[in-house]
N, C-alpha and C. Protein backbone atom coordinates (compact mmCIF):
# COMPACT_ATOMS: atom_id res chain seq x y z
N MET A 1 3.44 -76.46 30.93
CA MET A 1 4.17 -75.97 32.09
C MET A 1 4.16 -74.44 32.13
N LEU A 2 4.33 -73.81 30.98
CA LEU A 2 4.35 -72.36 30.93
C LEU A 2 3.01 -71.79 31.36
N GLU A 3 1.92 -72.38 30.87
CA GLU A 3 0.59 -71.89 31.25
C GLU A 3 0.39 -71.99 32.76
N HIS A 4 0.86 -73.08 33.36
CA HIS A 4 0.75 -73.23 34.82
C HIS A 4 1.50 -72.10 35.52
N SER A 5 2.71 -71.84 35.09
CA SER A 5 3.54 -70.80 35.71
C SER A 5 2.92 -69.41 35.57
N LEU A 6 2.16 -69.21 34.50
CA LEU A 6 1.55 -67.90 34.27
C LEU A 6 0.16 -67.78 34.89
N GLY A 7 -0.26 -68.80 35.67
CA GLY A 7 -1.50 -68.66 36.42
C GLY A 7 -2.57 -69.70 36.18
N ASN A 8 -2.48 -70.50 35.13
CA ASN A 8 -3.47 -71.53 34.88
C ASN A 8 -3.10 -72.77 35.69
N THR A 9 -3.47 -72.78 36.96
CA THR A 9 -3.03 -73.85 37.86
C THR A 9 -3.93 -75.08 37.84
N ALA A 10 -4.88 -75.14 36.91
CA ALA A 10 -5.69 -76.34 36.73
C ALA A 10 -4.88 -77.30 35.85
N SER A 11 -3.83 -77.84 36.42
CA SER A 11 -2.92 -78.69 35.66
C SER A 11 -2.46 -79.84 36.53
N ASN A 12 -1.60 -80.67 35.99
CA ASN A 12 -1.04 -81.80 36.71
C ASN A 12 0.16 -81.40 37.56
N PHE A 13 0.50 -80.12 37.60
CA PHE A 13 1.70 -79.66 38.31
C PHE A 13 1.35 -78.93 39.60
N THR A 14 2.28 -78.96 40.54
CA THR A 14 2.25 -78.03 41.67
C THR A 14 3.49 -77.16 41.57
N SER A 15 3.36 -75.92 42.03
CA SER A 15 4.46 -74.96 41.98
C SER A 15 5.20 -74.95 43.30
N TRP A 16 6.52 -74.92 43.22
CA TRP A 16 7.38 -74.86 44.39
C TRP A 16 8.45 -73.80 44.12
N THR A 17 9.00 -73.25 45.19
CA THR A 17 10.05 -72.26 45.05
C THR A 17 11.19 -72.57 46.02
N SER A 18 12.36 -72.14 45.68
CA SER A 18 13.51 -72.29 46.58
C SER A 18 13.67 -71.08 47.48
N ASP A 19 12.79 -70.08 47.34
CA ASP A 19 12.88 -68.85 48.11
C ASP A 19 11.74 -68.76 49.12
N TYR A 20 12.06 -68.76 50.42
CA TYR A 20 11.05 -68.76 51.47
C TYR A 20 10.13 -67.55 51.39
N GLU A 21 10.66 -66.37 51.16
CA GLU A 21 9.83 -65.16 51.09
C GLU A 21 8.82 -65.25 49.94
N THR A 22 9.21 -65.84 48.84
CA THR A 22 8.27 -66.05 47.73
C THR A 22 7.16 -66.99 48.17
N ALA A 23 7.50 -68.05 48.88
CA ALA A 23 6.50 -68.99 49.38
C ALA A 23 5.52 -68.30 50.32
N VAL A 24 6.02 -67.44 51.20
CA VAL A 24 5.15 -66.70 52.11
C VAL A 24 4.23 -65.78 51.32
N ARG A 25 4.77 -65.10 50.32
CA ARG A 25 3.95 -64.17 49.52
C ARG A 25 2.80 -64.92 48.85
N PHE A 26 3.08 -66.05 48.23
CA PHE A 26 2.02 -66.81 47.57
C PHE A 26 1.12 -67.52 48.58
N GLY A 27 1.68 -67.96 49.70
CA GLY A 27 0.90 -68.66 50.72
C GLY A 27 -0.05 -67.76 51.48
N THR A 28 0.16 -66.46 51.42
CA THR A 28 -0.71 -65.51 52.13
C THR A 28 -1.41 -64.55 51.19
N ASN A 29 -1.38 -64.84 49.89
CA ASN A 29 -1.98 -63.95 48.90
C ASN A 29 -1.44 -62.54 49.07
N SER A 30 -0.12 -62.43 49.10
CA SER A 30 0.61 -61.16 49.26
C SER A 30 0.27 -60.46 50.58
N GLY A 31 0.04 -61.25 51.63
CA GLY A 31 -0.19 -60.70 52.95
C GLY A 31 -1.63 -60.36 53.27
N THR A 32 -2.56 -60.70 52.39
CA THR A 32 -3.96 -60.35 52.64
C THR A 32 -4.72 -61.42 53.42
N THR A 33 -4.15 -62.62 53.54
CA THR A 33 -4.81 -63.70 54.28
C THR A 33 -3.77 -64.48 55.08
N ASN A 34 -4.23 -65.23 56.07
CA ASN A 34 -3.35 -66.19 56.73
C ASN A 34 -3.14 -67.34 55.77
N GLY A 35 -2.04 -68.04 55.89
CA GLY A 35 -1.78 -69.13 54.96
C GLY A 35 -0.78 -70.11 55.51
N VAL A 36 -0.25 -70.92 54.63
CA VAL A 36 0.74 -71.93 55.01
C VAL A 36 1.86 -71.94 53.99
N VAL A 37 3.00 -72.42 54.43
CA VAL A 37 4.13 -72.69 53.56
C VAL A 37 4.42 -74.18 53.67
N LEU A 38 4.49 -74.84 52.53
CA LEU A 38 4.84 -76.25 52.49
C LEU A 38 6.31 -76.38 52.13
N THR A 39 7.02 -77.26 52.81
CA THR A 39 8.42 -77.51 52.47
C THR A 39 8.58 -79.00 52.19
N ASN A 40 9.48 -79.30 51.27
CA ASN A 40 9.72 -80.68 50.90
C ASN A 40 11.09 -80.77 50.25
N THR A 41 11.67 -81.94 50.29
CA THR A 41 12.90 -82.22 49.58
C THR A 41 12.55 -83.22 48.48
N PHE A 42 12.93 -82.88 47.26
CA PHE A 42 12.60 -83.72 46.11
C PHE A 42 13.84 -84.46 45.62
N ALA A 43 13.60 -85.62 45.06
CA ALA A 43 14.69 -86.39 44.45
C ALA A 43 15.24 -85.62 43.25
N PRO A 44 16.51 -85.82 42.93
CA PRO A 44 17.06 -85.14 41.75
C PRO A 44 16.20 -85.40 40.51
N GLY A 45 15.89 -84.33 39.79
CA GLY A 45 15.10 -84.43 38.58
C GLY A 45 13.60 -84.38 38.77
N ALA A 46 13.12 -84.49 40.02
CA ALA A 46 11.67 -84.47 40.28
C ALA A 46 11.07 -83.08 40.14
N ALA A 47 11.82 -82.06 40.53
CA ALA A 47 11.36 -80.68 40.44
C ALA A 47 11.98 -80.06 39.19
N ILE A 48 11.12 -79.63 38.28
CA ILE A 48 11.58 -79.12 36.98
C ILE A 48 11.68 -77.60 37.06
N PRO A 49 12.86 -77.02 36.87
CA PRO A 49 12.97 -75.56 36.92
C PRO A 49 12.24 -74.92 35.75
N VAL A 50 11.54 -73.83 36.04
CA VAL A 50 10.85 -73.08 35.00
C VAL A 50 11.89 -72.27 34.25
N ALA A 51 11.63 -72.00 32.99
CA ALA A 51 12.58 -71.27 32.14
C ALA A 51 13.03 -69.97 32.80
N PRO A 52 14.31 -69.63 32.67
CA PRO A 52 14.85 -68.41 33.30
C PRO A 52 14.09 -67.13 32.93
N ASN A 53 13.56 -67.04 31.70
CA ASN A 53 12.86 -65.81 31.34
C ASN A 53 11.58 -65.64 32.16
N VAL A 54 10.93 -66.75 32.56
CA VAL A 54 9.75 -66.65 33.41
C VAL A 54 10.17 -66.17 34.81
N GLU A 55 11.31 -66.64 35.29
CA GLU A 55 11.80 -66.18 36.58
C GLU A 55 12.02 -64.68 36.56
N ALA A 56 12.57 -64.16 35.49
CA ALA A 56 12.80 -62.72 35.39
C ALA A 56 11.50 -61.94 35.35
N ILE A 57 10.51 -62.46 34.63
CA ILE A 57 9.22 -61.78 34.52
C ILE A 57 8.45 -61.83 35.83
N MET A 58 8.39 -63.00 36.46
CA MET A 58 7.58 -63.20 37.65
C MET A 58 8.30 -62.82 38.94
N GLY A 59 9.61 -62.65 38.91
CA GLY A 59 10.36 -62.29 40.10
C GLY A 59 10.43 -63.40 41.13
N GLU A 60 10.51 -64.63 40.69
CA GLU A 60 10.58 -65.76 41.60
C GLU A 60 11.39 -66.89 40.99
N TYR A 61 11.74 -67.85 41.81
CA TYR A 61 12.45 -69.04 41.36
C TYR A 61 11.49 -70.20 41.50
N GLU A 62 10.85 -70.56 40.41
CA GLU A 62 9.78 -71.55 40.45
C GLU A 62 10.23 -72.88 39.87
N PHE A 63 9.77 -73.93 40.53
CA PHE A 63 9.97 -75.29 40.07
C PHE A 63 8.60 -75.94 39.99
N LEU A 64 8.40 -76.80 39.01
CA LEU A 64 7.14 -77.52 38.87
C LEU A 64 7.37 -78.99 39.16
N VAL A 65 6.42 -79.58 39.89
CA VAL A 65 6.48 -81.00 40.21
C VAL A 65 5.20 -81.63 39.66
N PRO A 66 5.33 -82.63 38.78
CA PRO A 66 4.14 -83.27 38.24
C PRO A 66 3.51 -84.23 39.25
N GLY A 67 2.19 -84.32 39.19
CA GLY A 67 1.46 -85.28 40.02
C GLY A 67 1.32 -84.85 41.46
N PRO A 68 0.65 -85.68 42.25
CA PRO A 68 0.47 -85.38 43.67
C PRO A 68 1.79 -85.41 44.43
N VAL A 69 1.89 -84.60 45.46
CA VAL A 69 3.07 -84.57 46.33
C VAL A 69 2.60 -84.92 47.74
N SER A 70 3.31 -85.82 48.39
CA SER A 70 2.98 -86.16 49.78
C SER A 70 4.23 -86.01 50.62
N GLY A 71 4.02 -85.92 51.94
CA GLY A 71 5.14 -85.86 52.88
C GLY A 71 5.69 -84.49 53.12
N ALA A 72 5.03 -83.44 52.62
CA ALA A 72 5.52 -82.08 52.84
C ALA A 72 5.27 -81.64 54.28
N SER A 73 6.15 -80.81 54.80
CA SER A 73 5.95 -80.20 56.11
C SER A 73 5.13 -78.93 55.94
N VAL A 74 4.24 -78.67 56.90
CA VAL A 74 3.35 -77.52 56.81
C VAL A 74 3.68 -76.55 57.95
N THR A 75 3.88 -75.28 57.59
CA THR A 75 4.11 -74.23 58.58
C THR A 75 3.07 -73.14 58.37
N GLY A 76 2.34 -72.80 59.43
CA GLY A 76 1.36 -71.72 59.34
C GLY A 76 2.04 -70.37 59.24
N VAL A 77 1.46 -69.47 58.45
CA VAL A 77 2.00 -68.12 58.29
C VAL A 77 0.87 -67.15 58.60
N PRO A 78 0.98 -66.42 59.72
CA PRO A 78 -0.10 -65.49 60.08
C PRO A 78 -0.11 -64.25 59.18
């Protein structure tokens, strides 16, 4: 999980955040491309919070969800 949070996204997890501006930043590669923001509501315990020290280092509130995720809403971000 830690390796995924630090950038090795070839894993069984997808990254999610509770902060919309963080989602926009990652969805647009910090504003250099058009992108999308996915939103979803997860069952209790499905989204695993990343350790607080990673949040402090990365400046975001990240949650990891194992396996494929379906049913997310997609919003385009110019």
